[in-house]
C-alpha atoms as a PDB file:
ATOM      1  CA  MET A   1      21.354  68.543  87.767  1.00  0.00           C
ATOM      2  CA  PRO A   2      20.761  66.854  91.170  1.00  0.00           C
ATOM      3  CA  LYS A   3      21.774  63.230  91.488  1.00  0.00           C
ATOM      4  CA  PRO A   4      18.936  60.728  91.565  1.00  0.00           C
ATOM      5  CA  PRO A   5      18.225  59.533  95.135  1.00  0.00           C
ATOM      6  CA  SER A   6      19.826  56.138  94.487  1.00  0.00           C
ATOM      7  CA  ALA A   7      23.138  57.796  93.544  1.00  0.00           C
ATOM      8  CA  VAL A   8      23.410  60.086  96.579  1.00  0.00           C
ATOM      9  CA  THR A   9      26.187  59.039  98.967  1.00  0.00           C
ATOM     10  CA  PRO A  10      24.694  58.507 102.427  1.00  0.00           C
ATOM     11  CA  PRO A  11      26.121  60.612 105.293  1.00  0.00           C
ATOM     12  CA  TRP A  12      29.033  59.350 107.363  1.00  0.00           C
ATOM     13  CA  TRP A  13      26.727  58.322 110.241  1.00  0.00           C
ATOM     14  CA  HIS A  14      24.460  56.202 108.050  1.00  0.00           C
ATOM     15  CA  PRO A  15      24.289  52.650 109.450  1.00  0.00           C
ATOM     16  CA  GLU A  16      25.729  51.134 106.280  1.00  0.00           C
ATOM     17  CA  ARG A  17      28.731  53.479 106.186  1.00  0.00           C
ATOM     18  CA  LEU A  18      29.354  53.206 109.917  1.00  0.00           C
ATOM     19  CA  ALA A  19      29.154  49.410 109.753  1.00  0.00           C
ATOM     20  CA  ALA A  20      31.679  49.399 106.900  1.00  0.00           C
ATOM     21  CA  ARG A  21      34.134  51.452 108.994  1.00  0.00           C
ATOM     22  CA  ARG A  22      33.514  49.666 112.270  1.00  0.00           C
ATOM     23  CA  PRO A  23      36.197  46.907 111.971  1.00  0.00           C
ATOM     24  CA  ARG A  24      38.848  49.555 111.368  1.00  0.00           C
ATOM     25  CA  LEU A  25      37.498  51.723 114.192  1.00  0.00           C
ATOM     26  CA  MET A  26      37.671  48.778 116.578  1.00  0.00           C
ATOM     27  CA  ALA A  27      41.270  48.199 115.442  1.00  0.00           C
ATOM     28  CA  ARG A  28      42.009  51.893 116.024  1.00  0.00           C
ATOM     29  CA  GLY A  29      40.831  51.536 119.617  1.00  0.00           C
ATOM     30  CA  ARG A  30      43.057  48.511 120.163  1.00  0.00           C
ATOM     31  CA  ILE A  31      46.011  50.411 118.671  1.00  0.00           C
ATOM     32  CA  LEU A  32      45.531  53.361 121.038  1.00  0.00           C
ATOM     33  CA  ALA A  33      45.312  51.000 124.018  1.00  0.00           C
ATOM     34  CA  ALA A  34      48.478  49.162 122.929  1.00  0.00           C
ATOM     35  CA  LEU A  35      50.415  52.399 122.508  1.00  0.00           C
ATOM     36  CA  ARG A  36      49.314  53.678 125.912  1.00  0.00           C
ATOM     37  CA  HIS A  37      50.385  50.373 127.464  1.00  0.00           C
ATOM     38  CA  TRP A  38      53.806  50.637 125.808  1.00  0.00           C
ATOM     39  CA  PHE A  39      54.365  54.147 127.191  1.00  0.00           C
ATOM     40  CA  ALA A  40      53.261  53.061 130.667  1.00  0.00           C
ATOM     41  CA  GLN A  41      55.716  50.150 130.579  1.00  0.00           C
ATOM     42  CA  ALA A  42      58.459  52.587 129.519  1.00  0.00           C
ATOM     43  CA  GLU A  43      57.601  54.813 132.528  1.00  0.00           C
ATOM     44  CA  PHE A  44      56.321  57.816 130.585  1.00  0.00           C
ATOM     45  CA  VAL A  45      53.754  60.157 132.130  1.00  0.00           C
ATOM     46  CA  GLU A  46      50.681  60.973 130.037  1.00  0.00           C
ATOM     47  CA  VAL A  47      49.946  64.710 130.005  1.00  0.00           C
ATOM     48  CA  GLU A  48      47.235  66.974 128.616  1.00  0.00           C
ATOM     49  CA  THR A  49      47.821  70.536 127.438  1.00  0.00           C
ATOM     50  CA  PRO A  50      45.319  73.114 126.128  1.00  0.00           C
ATOM     51  CA  ALA A  51      44.460  73.242 122.433  1.00  0.00           C
ATOM     52  CA  LEU A  52      44.056  77.023 122.722  1.00  0.00           C
ATOM     53  CA  GLN A  53      47.443  78.728 122.660  1.00  0.00           C
ATOM     54  CA  VAL A  54      48.922  82.187 122.183  1.00  0.00           C
ATOM     55  CA  SER A  55      51.042  80.780 119.353  1.00  0.00           C
ATOM     56  CA  PRO A  56      49.773  77.798 117.356  1.00  0.00           C
ATOM     57  CA  GLY A  57      53.218  76.938 115.976  1.00  0.00           C
ATOM     58  CA  LEU A  58      55.367  78.946 113.581  1.00  0.00           C
ATOM     59  CA  GLU A  59      56.147  76.619 110.672  1.00  0.00           C
ATOM     60  CA  PRO A  60      55.449  79.028 107.779  1.00  0.00           C
ATOM     61  CA  HIS A  61      53.223  76.741 105.705  1.00  0.00           C
ATOM     62  CA  LEU A  62      50.893  75.642 108.522  1.00  0.00           C
ATOM     63  CA  HIS A  63      47.661  77.630 108.835  1.00  0.00           C
ATOM     64  CA  ALA A  64      45.853  77.804 112.163  1.00  0.00           C
ATOM     65  CA  PHE A  65      42.237  78.243 113.217  1.00  0.00           C
ATOM     66  CA  SER A  66      41.992  81.449 115.244  1.00  0.00           C
ATOM     67  CA  THR A  67      39.573  82.848 117.792  1.00  0.00           C
ATOM     68  CA  GLU A  68      39.396  85.256 120.745  1.00  0.00           C
ATOM     69  CA  LEU A  69      39.082  84.685 124.474  1.00  0.00           C
ATOM     70  CA  ALA A  70      36.664  87.097 126.166  1.00  0.00           C
ATOM     71  CA  ALA A  71      38.017  88.311 129.527  1.00  0.00           C
ATOM     72  CA  PRO A  72      35.797  89.436 132.448  1.00  0.00           C
ATOM     73  CA  ASP A  73      36.941  93.042 131.918  1.00  0.00           C
ATOM     74  CA  GLY A  74      35.613  93.005 128.357  1.00  0.00           C
ATOM     75  CA  SER A  75      38.989  92.726 126.666  1.00  0.00           C
ATOM     76  CA  ARG A  76      39.612  90.036 124.063  1.00  0.00           C
ATOM     77  CA  LEU A  77      42.765  87.947 123.790  1.00  0.00           C
ATOM     78  CA  PRO A  78      43.617  86.474 120.366  1.00  0.00           C
ATOM     79  CA  LEU A  79      44.189  82.719 120.638  1.00  0.00           C
ATOM     80  CA  HIS A  80      44.739  79.900 118.151  1.00  0.00           C
ATOM     81  CA  LEU A  81      44.049  76.165 118.067  1.00  0.00           C
ATOM     82  CA  HIS A  82      47.467  74.552 118.204  1.00  0.00           C
ATOM     83  CA  THR A  83      48.982  72.802 115.184  1.00  0.00           C
ATOM     84  CA  SER A  84      51.066  70.766 117.658  1.00  0.00           C
ATOM     85  CA  PRO A  85      51.289  70.596 121.473  1.00  0.00           C
ATOM     86  CA  GLU A  86      55.068  71.109 121.221  1.00  0.00           C
ATOM     87  CA  PHE A  87      55.474  74.461 122.981  1.00  0.00           C
ATOM     88  CA  ALA A  88      53.352  73.470 125.987  1.00  0.00           C
ATOM     89  CA  MET A  89      55.011  70.064 126.342  1.00  0.00           C
ATOM     90  CA  LYS A  90      58.496  71.572 126.263  1.00  0.00           C
ATOM     91  CA  LYS A  91      57.474  73.908 129.064  1.00  0.00           C
ATOM     92  CA  LEU A  92      56.726  70.778 131.102  1.00  0.00           C
ATOM     93  CA  LEU A  93      60.207  69.471 130.254  1.00  0.00           C
ATOM     94  CA  ALA A  94      61.682  72.756 131.487  1.00  0.00           C
ATOM     95  CA  GLY A  95      59.599  72.298 134.637  1.00  0.00           C
ATOM     96  CA  GLY A  96      61.302  68.989 135.376  1.00  0.00           C
ATOM     97  CA  GLU A  97      59.142  66.253 133.786  1.00  0.00           C
ATOM     98  CA  PRO A  98      61.629  63.752 132.280  1.00  0.00           C
ATOM     99  CA  GLN A  99      59.480  61.543 130.021  1.00  0.00           C
ATOM    100  CA  ILE A 100      56.063  62.668 128.787  1.00  0.00           C
ATOM    101  CA  PHE A 101      53.608  61.769 126.051  1.00  0.00           C
ATOM    102  CA  GLN A 102      50.251  63.038 124.828  1.00  0.00           C
ATOM    103  CA  PHE A 103      47.508  62.022 122.435  1.00  0.00           C
ATOM    104  CA  ALA A 104      46.564  65.534 121.317  1.00  0.00           C
ATOM    105  CA  ARG A 105      43.794  66.770 119.070  1.00  0.00           C
ATOM    106  CA  VAL A 106      45.497  69.229 116.723  1.00  0.00           C
ATOM    107  CA  PHE A 107      44.155  71.531 114.018  1.00  0.00           C
ATOM    108  CA  ARG A 108      45.512  72.642 110.647  1.00  0.00           C
ATOM    109  CA  ASN A 109      43.412  74.789 108.360  1.00  0.00           C
ATOM    110  CA  GLY A 110      43.376  74.147 104.616  1.00  0.00           C
ATOM    111  CA  GLU A 111      44.537  70.527 104.914  1.00  0.00           C
ATOM    112  CA  ARG A 112      42.131  67.922 103.569  1.00  0.00           C
ATOM    113  CA  SER A 113      42.938  64.946 101.364  1.00  0.00           C
ATOM    114  CA  ALA A 114      43.064  61.160 101.492  1.00  0.00           C
ATOM    115  CA  THR A 115      45.885  61.456 104.056  1.00  0.00           C
ATOM    116  CA  HIS A 116      45.098  64.847 105.695  1.00  0.00           C
ATOM    117  CA  HIS A 117      42.271  65.948 107.964  1.00  0.00           C
ATOM    118  CA  PRO A 118      41.832  69.466 109.439  1.00  0.00           C
ATOM    119  CA  GLU A 119      41.439  68.015 112.955  1.00  0.00           C
ATOM    120  CA  PHE A 120      43.500  64.945 113.745  1.00  0.00           C
ATOM    121  CA  THR A 121      45.165  63.006 116.549  1.00  0.00           C
ATOM    122  CA  MET A 122      48.866  63.512 117.124  1.00  0.00           C
ATOM    123  CA  LEU A 123      50.950  61.354 119.443  1.00  0.00           C
ATOM    124  CA  GLU A 124      53.806  63.467 120.754  1.00  0.00           C
ATOM    125  CA  TRP A 125      56.459  62.348 123.225  1.00  0.00           C
ATOM    126  CA  TYR A 126      59.688  63.675 124.749  1.00  0.00           C
ATOM    127  CA  ARG A 127      62.691  62.136 126.440  1.00  0.00           C
ATOM    128  CA  ALA A 128      64.895  64.383 128.597  1.00  0.00           C
ATOM    129  CA  GLY A 129      68.556  63.389 128.553  1.00  0.00           C
ATOM    130  CA  SER A 130      68.182  61.589 125.220  1.00  0.00           C
ATOM    131  CA  ARG A 131      69.338  62.072 121.646  1.00  0.00           C
ATOM    132  CA  VAL A 132      67.146  62.072 118.558  1.00  0.00           C
ATOM    133  CA  ASP A 133      68.529  58.692 117.500  1.00  0.00           C
ATOM    134  CA  ASP A 134      67.063  57.168 120.676  1.00  0.00           C
ATOM    135  CA  LEU A 135      63.605  57.827 119.248  1.00  0.00           C
ATOM    136  CA  ILE A 136      64.182  55.483 116.310  1.00  0.00           C
ATOM    137  CA  GLY A 137      63.927  52.514 118.668  1.00  0.00           C
ATOM    138  CA  ASP A 138      60.705  53.950 120.124  1.00  0.00           C
ATOM    139  CA  CYS A 139      59.201  54.275 116.657  1.00  0.00           C
ATOM    140  CA  MET A 140      60.066  50.736 115.653  1.00  0.00           C
ATOM    141  CA  ALA A 141      58.534  49.351 118.853  1.00  0.00           C
ATOM    142  CA  LEU A 142      55.352  51.381 118.363  1.00  0.00           C
ATOM    143  CA  LEU A 143      54.992  50.278 114.733  1.00  0.00           C
ATOM    144  CA  ARG A 144      55.175  46.653 115.834  1.00  0.00           C
ATOM    145  CA  GLU A 145      52.692  47.250 118.654  1.00  0.00           C
ATOM    146  CA  ALA A 146      50.225  48.921 116.280  1.00  0.00           C
ATOM    147  CA  ALA A 147      50.512  46.183 113.652  1.00  0.00           C
ATOM    148  CA  ARG A 148      49.942  43.464 116.256  1.00  0.00           C
ATOM    149  CA  ALA A 149      47.018  45.276 117.866  1.00  0.00           C
ATOM    150  CA  ALA A 150      45.287  45.709 114.503  1.00  0.00           C
ATOM    151  CA  GLY A 151      45.275  41.957 113.991  1.00  0.00           C
ATOM    152  CA  GLY A 152      46.015  40.178 110.766  1.00  0.00           C
ATOM    153  CA  ASP A 153      49.538  39.363 109.617  1.00  0.00           C
ATOM    154  CA  GLY A 154      51.416  42.138 111.450  1.00  0.00           C
ATOM    155  CA  LEU A 155      52.219  44.097 108.281  1.00  0.00           C
ATOM    156  CA  LEU A 156      51.491  47.728 107.400  1.00  0.00           C
ATOM    157  CA  ARG A 157      49.874  48.506 104.051  1.00  0.00           C
ATOM    158  CA  ARG A 158      48.982  51.374 101.747  1.00  0.00           C
ATOM    159  CA  GLY A 159      47.670  50.471  98.337  1.00  0.00           C
ATOM    160  CA  GLU A 160      50.086  47.977  96.807  1.00  0.00           C
ATOM    161  CA  LEU A 161      52.918  48.936  99.175  1.00  0.00           C
ATOM    162  CA  VAL A 162      53.717  46.720 102.173  1.00  0.00           C
ATOM    163  CA  CYS A 163      55.977  47.423 105.141  1.00  0.00           C
ATOM    164  CA  ASP A 164      57.188  44.855 107.662  1.00  0.00           C
ATOM    165  CA  PRO A 165      57.947  46.573 111.006  1.00  0.00           C
ATOM    166  CA  GLY A 166      59.820  43.442 112.038  1.00  0.00           C
ATOM    167  CA  LEU A 167      62.566  44.187 109.507  1.00  0.00           C
ATOM    168  CA  ALA A 168      65.579  46.349 110.328  1.00  0.00           C
ATOM    169  CA  ALA A 169      64.863  49.996 109.528  1.00  0.00           C
ATOM    170  CA  GLU A 170      66.547  51.778 106.635  1.00  0.00           C
ATOM    171  CA  ILE A 171      68.290  54.948 107.837  1.00  0.00           C
ATOM    172  CA  VAL A 172      69.077  57.433 105.049  1.00  0.00           C
ATOM    173  CA  PRO A 173      70.459  60.980 105.369  1.00  0.00           C
ATOM    174  CA  VAL A 174      68.602  63.552 103.256  1.00  0.00           C
ATOM    175  CA  ALA A 175      71.724  64.219 101.182  1.00  0.00           C
ATOM    176  CA  THR A 176      72.017  60.514 100.351  1.00  0.00           C
ATOM    177  CA  ALA A 177      68.372  60.383  99.271  1.00  0.00           C
ATOM    178  CA  PHE A 178      69.039  63.261  96.859  1.00  0.00           C
ATOM    179  CA  ASP A 179      72.269  61.655  95.640  1.00  0.00           C
ATOM    180  CA  ARG A 180      70.230  58.604  94.651  1.00  0.00           C
ATOM    181  CA  VAL A 181      68.153  60.705  92.235  1.00  0.00           C
ATOM    182  CA  GLY A 182      71.158  62.566  90.838  1.00  0.00           C
ATOM    183  CA  ILE A 183      71.352  65.757  92.913  1.00  0.00           C
ATOM    184  CA  ASP A 184      74.261  66.891  95.094  1.00  0.00           C
ATOM    185  CA  LEU A 185      72.135  68.678  97.679  1.00  0.00           C
ATOM    186  CA  MET A 186      75.032  69.889  99.813  1.00  0.00           C
ATOM    187  CA  ALA A 187      76.556  71.683  96.835  1.00  0.00           C
ATOM    188  CA  THR A 188      73.470  73.922  96.782  1.00  0.00           C
ATOM    189  CA  MET A 189      74.061  74.948 100.419  1.00  0.00           C
ATOM    190  CA  PRO A 190      77.239  77.081 100.431  1.00  0.00           C
ATOM    191  CA  ASN A 191      75.488  79.100 103.161  1.00  0.00           C
ATOM    192  CA  PRO A 192      73.470  76.565 105.219  1.00  0.00           C
ATOM    193  CA  LEU A 193      71.094  79.211 106.555  1.00  0.00           C
ATOM    194  CA  ALA A 194      70.465  80.685 103.082  1.00  0.00           C
ATOM    195  CA  PRO A 195      70.813  77.863 100.522  1.00  0.00           C
ATOM    196  CA  ASP A 196      71.060  78.751  96.836  1.00  0.00           C
ATOM    197  CA  ALA A 197      67.708  78.341  95.063  1.00  0.00           C
ATOM    198  CA  ALA A 198      69.190  78.830  91.587  1.00  0.00           C
ATOM    199  CA  LEU A 199      71.741  76.043  92.086  1.00  0.00           C
ATOM    200  CA  LEU A 200      69.077  73.602  93.244  1.00  0.00           C
ATOM    201  CA  ALA A 201      66.685  74.631  90.450  1.00  0.00           C
ATOM    202  CA  ARG A 202      69.343  73.880  87.820  1.00  0.00           C
ATOM    203  CA  ALA A 203      70.071  70.508  89.415  1.00  0.00           C
ATOM    204  CA  ALA A 204      66.338  69.689  89.517  1.00  0.00           C
ATOM    205  CA  ALA A 205      65.851  70.692  85.879  1.00  0.00           C
ATOM    206  CA  ALA A 206      68.756  68.432  84.909  1.00  0.00           C
ATOM    207  CA  ILE A 207      66.835  65.377  86.192  1.00  0.00           C
ATOM    208  CA  GLY A 208      63.550  66.462  84.642  1.00  0.00           C
ATOM    209  CA  VAL A 209      61.823  68.058  87.636  1.00  0.00           C
ATOM    210  CA  ARG A 210      59.836  71.185  86.772  1.00  0.00           C
ATOM    211  CA  THR A 211      60.836  74.475  88.380  1.00  0.00           C
ATOM    212  CA  ASP A 212      59.170  77.870  88.221  1.00  0.00           C
ATOM    213  CA  PRO A 213      60.679  81.368  88.184  1.00  0.00           C
ATOM    214  CA  GLY A 214      60.691  82.731  91.710  1.00  0.00           C
ATOM    215  CA  ASP A 215      60.874  79.308  93.353  1.00  0.00           C
ATOM    216  CA  ARG A 216      62.568  79.394  96.723  1.00  0.00           C
ATOM    217  CA  TRP A 217      65.116  76.717  97.624  1.00  0.00           C
ATOM    218  CA  ASP A 218      62.505  75.026  99.839  1.00  0.00           C
ATOM    219  CA  ASP A 219      60.011  74.951  96.953  1.00  0.00           C
ATOM    220  CA  VAL A 220      62.435  73.091  94.703  1.00  0.00           C
ATOM    221  CA  PHE A 221      63.563  70.815  97.528  1.00  0.00           C
ATOM    222  CA  PHE A 222      60.008  69.651  98.235  1.00  0.00           C
ATOM    223  CA  ARG A 223      59.135  69.242  94.567  1.00  0.00           C
ATOM    224  CA  VAL A 224      62.080  66.885  94.085  1.00  0.00           C
ATOM    225  CA  PHE A 225      61.409  65.130  97.378  1.00  0.00           C
ATOM    226  CA  LEU A 226      57.680  64.610  96.779  1.00  0.00           C
ATOM    227  CA  GLU A 227      58.044  63.535  93.131  1.00  0.00           C
ATOM    228  CA  ARG A 228      61.207  61.456  93.138  1.00  0.00           C
ATOM    229  CA  ILE A 229      61.946  60.338  96.720  1.00  0.00           C
ATOM    230  CA  GLU A 230      58.970  60.097  99.087  1.00  0.00           C
ATOM    231  CA  PRO A 231      56.786  57.649  97.067  1.00  0.00           C
ATOM    232  CA  TYR A 232      59.492  54.967  97.344  1.00  0.00           C
ATOM    233  CA  LEU A 233      60.263  55.282 101.058  1.00  0.00           C
ATOM    234  CA  GLY A 234      59.207  52.842 103.752  1.00  0.00           C
ATOM    235  CA  SER A 235      58.731  49.628 101.794  1.00  0.00           C
ATOM    236  CA  PRO A 236      59.557  46.845 102.504  1.00  0.00           C
ATOM    237  CA  ALA A 237      60.945  48.253 105.801  1.00  0.00           C
ATOM    238  CA  PRO A 238      60.368  51.514 107.719  1.00  0.00           C
ATOM    239  CA  THR A 239      62.638  54.307 106.504  1.00  0.00           C
ATOM    240  CA  PHE A 240      64.086  57.119 108.597  1.00  0.00           C
ATOM    241  CA  ILE A 241      65.241  60.168 106.614  1.00  0.00           C
ATOM    242  CA  THR A 242      67.841  61.878 108.821  1.00  0.00           C
ATOM    243  CA  ALA A 243      70.176  64.890 108.886  1.00  0.00           C
ATOM    244  CA  TRP A 244      67.843  67.500 107.412  1.00  0.00           C
ATOM    245  CA  PRO A 245      69.269  70.863 106.296  1.00  0.00           C
ATOM    246  CA  VAL A 246      69.469  73.170 109.281  1.00  0.00           C
ATOM    247  CA  SER A 247      67.328  75.749 107.458  1.00  0.00           C
ATOM    248  CA  MET A 248      64.467  73.190 107.518  1.00  0.00           C
ATOM    249  CA  ALA A 249      64.511  72.392 111.228  1.00  0.00           C
ATOM    250  CA  ALA A 250      63.550  75.504 113.168  1.00  0.00           C
ATOM    251  CA  LEU A 251      63.242  73.718 116.519  1.00  0.00           C
ATOM    252  CA  ALA A 252      66.180  71.301 116.216  1.00  0.00           C
ATOM    253  CA  ARG A 253      69.820  71.446 117.255  1.00  0.00           C
ATOM    254  CA  PRO A 254      72.525  71.603 114.582  1.00  0.00           C
ATOM    255  CA  ASP A 255      74.551  68.404 114.295  1.00  0.00           C
ATOM    256  CA  PRO A 256      77.959  68.982 115.950  1.00  0.00           C
ATOM    257  CA  ALA A 257      79.579  66.752 113.321  1.00  0.00           C
ATOM    258  CA  ASP A 258      78.162  68.823 110.432  1.00  0.00           C
ATOM    259  CA  PRO A 259      76.493  72.158 111.308  1.00  0.00           C
ATOM    260  CA  ARG A 260      74.932  72.321 107.839  1.00  0.00           C
ATOM    261  CA  VAL A 261      72.383  69.749 109.000  1.00  0.00           C
ATOM    262  CA  ALA A 262      70.152  69.369 112.042  1.00  0.00           C
ATOM    263  CA  GLN A 263      69.387  66.552 114.450  1.00  0.00           C
ATOM    264  CA  ARG A 264      66.090  65.741 112.800  1.00  0.00           C
ATOM    265  CA  PHE A 265      64.497  62.707 111.196  1.00  0.00           C
ATOM    266  CA  GLU A 266      61.230  61.853 109.504  1.00  0.00           C
ATOM    267  CA  LEU A 267      59.739  58.361 109.519  1.00  0.00           C
ATOM    268  CA  TYR A 268      58.195  56.977 106.329  1.00  0.00           C
ATOM    269  CA  VAL A 269      56.058  53.871 105.932  1.00  0.00           C
ATOM    270  CA  CYS A 270      54.641  52.803 102.548  1.00  0.00           C
ATOM    271  CA  GLY A 271      55.482  56.166 100.982  1.00  0.00           C
ATOM    272  CA  LEU A 272      53.683  58.119 103.713  1.00  0.00           C
ATOM    273  CA  GLU A 273      55.279  60.498 106.219  1.00  0.00           C
ATOM    274  CA  LEU A 274      54.336  59.226 109.665  1.00  0.00           C
ATOM    275  CA  ALA A 275      56.512  61.054 112.221  1.00  0.00           C
ATOM    276  CA  ASN A 276      58.879  63.989 112.621  1.00  0.00           C
ATOM    277  CA  ALA A 277      61.573  64.078 115.342  1.00  0.00           C
ATOM    278  CA  PHE A 278      64.042  66.649 116.679  1.00  0.00           C
ATOM    279  CA  GLY A 279      67.015  66.792 118.939  1.00  0.00           C
ATOM    280  CA  GLU A 280      65.540  69.824 120.678  1.00  0.00           C
ATOM    281  CA  LEU A 281      67.091  73.268 120.385  1.00  0.00           C
ATOM    282  CA  THR A 282      67.698  74.708 123.860  1.00  0.00           C
ATOM    283  CA  ASP A 283      69.251  78.124 123.058  1.00  0.00           C
ATOM    284  CA  PRO A 284      66.600  80.859 123.524  1.00  0.00           C
ATOM    285  CA  VAL A 285      68.516  83.440 121.471  1.00  0.00           C
ATOM    286  CA  GLU A 286      68.930  81.135 118.484  1.00  0.00           C
ATOM    287  CA  GLN A 287      65.324  79.967 118.838  1.00  0.00           C
ATOM    288  CA  ARG A 288      64.016  83.525 118.663  1.00  0.00           C
ATOM    289  CA  ARG A 289      66.175  84.217 115.602  1.00  0.00           C
ATOM    290  CA  ARG A 290      64.707  81.181 113.838  1.00  0.00           C
ATOM    291  CA  PHE A 291      61.181  82.142 114.836  1.00  0.00           C
ATOM    292  CA  ASP A 292      61.739  85.625 113.400  1.00  0.00           C
ATOM    293  CA  THR A 293      62.918  84.087 110.128  1.00  0.00           C
ATOM    294  CA  ASP A 294      59.878  81.810 109.903  1.00  0.00           C
ATOM    295  CA  ARG A 295      57.480  84.621 110.747  1.00  0.00           C
ATOM    296  CA  ALA A 296      59.006  86.804 108.026  1.00  0.00           C
ATOM    297  CA  THR A 297      58.654  83.959 105.532  1.00  0.00           C
ATOM    298  CA  ALA A 298      54.993  83.445 106.456  1.00  0.00           C
ATOM    299  CA  GLN A 299      54.320  87.183 106.197  1.00  0.00           C
ATOM    300  CA  GLY A 300      55.900  87.315 102.756  1.00  0.00           C
ATOM    301  CA  LEU A 301      54.089  84.243 101.438  1.00  0.00           C
ATOM    302  CA  TYR A 302      50.670  84.536 103.063  1.00  0.00           C
ATOM    303  CA  GLY A 303      50.406  88.072 104.443  1.00  0.00           C
ATOM    304  CA  ARG A 304      50.117  86.813 108.020  1.00  0.00           C
ATOM    305  CA  SER A 305      52.270  85.607 110.867  1.00  0.00           C
ATOM    306  CA  TYR A 306      51.467  84.235 114.300  1.00  0.00           C
ATOM    307  CA  PRO A 307      52.961  85.632 117.520  1.00  0.00           C
ATOM    308  CA  VAL A 308      55.928  84.172 119.352  1.00  0.00           C
ATOM    309  CA  ASP A 309      55.037  82.355 122.573  1.00  0.00           C
ATOM    310  CA  GLU A 310      57.109  84.445 124.980  1.00  0.00           C
ATOM    311  CA  GLU A 311      56.462  81.983 127.798  1.00  0.00           C
ATOM    312  CA  PHE A 312      58.104  79.298 125.665  1.00  0.00           C
ATOM    313  CA  ILE A 313      61.175  81.482 125.146  1.00  0.00           C
ATOM    314  CA  ALA A 314      61.236  82.086 128.916  1.00  0.00           C
ATOM    315  CA  ALA A 315      61.114  78.315 129.500  1.00  0.00           C
ATOM    316  CA  LEU A 316      64.153  77.872 127.251  1.00  0.00           C
ATOM    317  CA  ALA A 317      65.963  80.624 129.137  1.00  0.00           C
ATOM    318  CA  HIS A 318      65.077  78.946 132.440  1.00  0.00           C
ATOM    319  CA  GLY A 319      66.695  75.782 131.148  1.00  0.00           C
ATOM    320  CA  LEU A 320      65.397  73.117 128.793  1.00  0.00           C
ATOM    321  CA  PRO A 321      67.412  69.925 129.350  1.00  0.00           C
ATOM    322  CA  GLU A 322      69.046  68.202 126.423  1.00  0.00           C
ATOM    323  CA  SER A 323      66.152  66.207 125.058  1.00  0.00           C
ATOM    324  CA  ALA A 324      64.577  64.623 122.020  1.00  0.00           C
ATOM    325  CA  GLY A 325      60.958  64.874 120.917  1.00  0.00           C
ATOM    326  CA  ILE A 326      58.751  63.503 118.192  1.00  0.00           C
ATOM    327  CA  ALA A 327      55.245  63.821 116.766  1.00  0.00           C
ATOM    328  CA  LEU A 328      53.488  60.871 115.087  1.00  0.00           C
ATOM    329  CA  GLY A 329      50.210  60.919 113.165  1.00  0.00           C
ATOM    330  CA  VAL A 330      47.878  58.455 114.897  1.00  0.00           C
ATOM    331  CA  ASP A 331      45.225  58.497 112.175  1.00  0.00           C
ATOM    332  CA  ARG A 332      47.835  57.716 109.527  1.00  0.00           C
ATOM    333  CA  LEU A 333      49.209  54.906 111.661  1.00  0.00           C
ATOM    334  CA  ALA A 334      45.686  53.461 111.956  1.00  0.00           C
ATOM    335  CA  MET A 335      45.356  53.731 108.170  1.00  0.00           C
ATOM    336  CA  LEU A 336      48.564  51.772 107.635  1.00  0.00           C
ATOM    337  CA  ALA A 337      47.785  49.154 110.261  1.00  0.00           C
ATOM    338  CA  THR A 338      44.297  48.470 108.839  1.00  0.00           C
ATOM    339  CA  GLY A 339      45.037  48.982 105.145  1.00  0.00           C
ATOM    340  CA  ALA A 340      42.506  51.844 104.902  1.00  0.00           C
ATOM    341  CA  GLU A 341      42.423  53.833 101.669  1.00  0.00           C
ATOM    342  CA  THR A 342      41.639  57.210 103.255  1.00  0.00           C
ATOM    343  CA  ILE A 343      42.032  58.870 106.608  1.00  0.00           C
ATOM    344  CA  ASP A 344      38.228  59.213 106.908  1.00  0.00           C
ATOM    345  CA  ASP A 345      38.014  55.407 106.994  1.00  0.00           C
ATOM    346  CA  VAL A 346      39.627  55.359 110.454  1.00  0.00           C
ATOM    347  CA  LEU A 347      37.721  58.321 111.966  1.00  0.00           C
ATOM    348  CA  TRP A 348      34.549  57.855 113.986  1.00  0.00           C
ATOM    349  CA  ALA A 349      33.247  61.217 112.707  1.00  0.00           C
ATOM    350  CA  PRO A 350      34.936  63.410 110.105  1.00  0.00           C
ATOM    351  CA  VAL A 351      34.857  67.206 110.221  1.00  0.00           C
ATOM    352  CA  ALA A 352      31.927  68.547 108.169  1.00  0.00           C
ATOM    353  CA  GLY A 353      32.611  69.916 104.727  1.00  0.00           C
END
């Protein structure tokens, strides 16, 4: 039965709904301006790269929007809207740009929730000659800039959770986070590149986390992480989860001190993942091997895989300097800085549907 007219939710552009969002949208604009100012002061160059790419990114669980480019000769080239500007930005690093950043519109099909949107704004930046740990200081500075620009008391909020970006960050290796909930994660990784799903499933069951027959190691890992670890991260201070298993960091260098883990961290604020950083892998042979593994996983799970960007592999072979890079969700940061309940509350116009 249709809803009575009085119960119908007005469209997003309706004056009442737009007026309700407007204070947060104004804050979003101030946040973007403050972040740009910070990067300018730090002598970064702002770049722009195309959203249409030969390869949209090869993380197995990300689904791209795909299209074709019509050439003058009548041929058609398959292209995809990027899920991250990473490949193109690393080509610029290989070309000699030392410090770059970009506010990129990125696209991920099948992602829509209170904290996901199929088209969103990603802030991505790279430092040549730097280590992944150097990016922690960048993140802390940007959190403070965003909180100040939003106005109010300088705190970040999500529901009842509060984060003070003025506090010292908590830095926690993945293995330590699992130890805290009763799982020896490293014991389930006798072969770091092929961790033992059965071992992790038994450990998860022992602490009351459901597992299913046929679960891969990654499936169990994320179930434990999402149920028992992530909701408690990033309050009262920002939390950086570091030293991820090397099998979960396809574009990151292994840690020389422990090759079972990679130079990767994720930033959490108020139980929400906000950023993902790598010490960038520079070996083209190893990169291709990891891409092949991810493409095989995607083919097995979803019956599709995206092509390798051969120009990106060529850029690595030409010489990618030792560098560190990171991607941060701008819409999520605006949510946290304004206390918004959903990502749509900080968007001028949501995607239809």
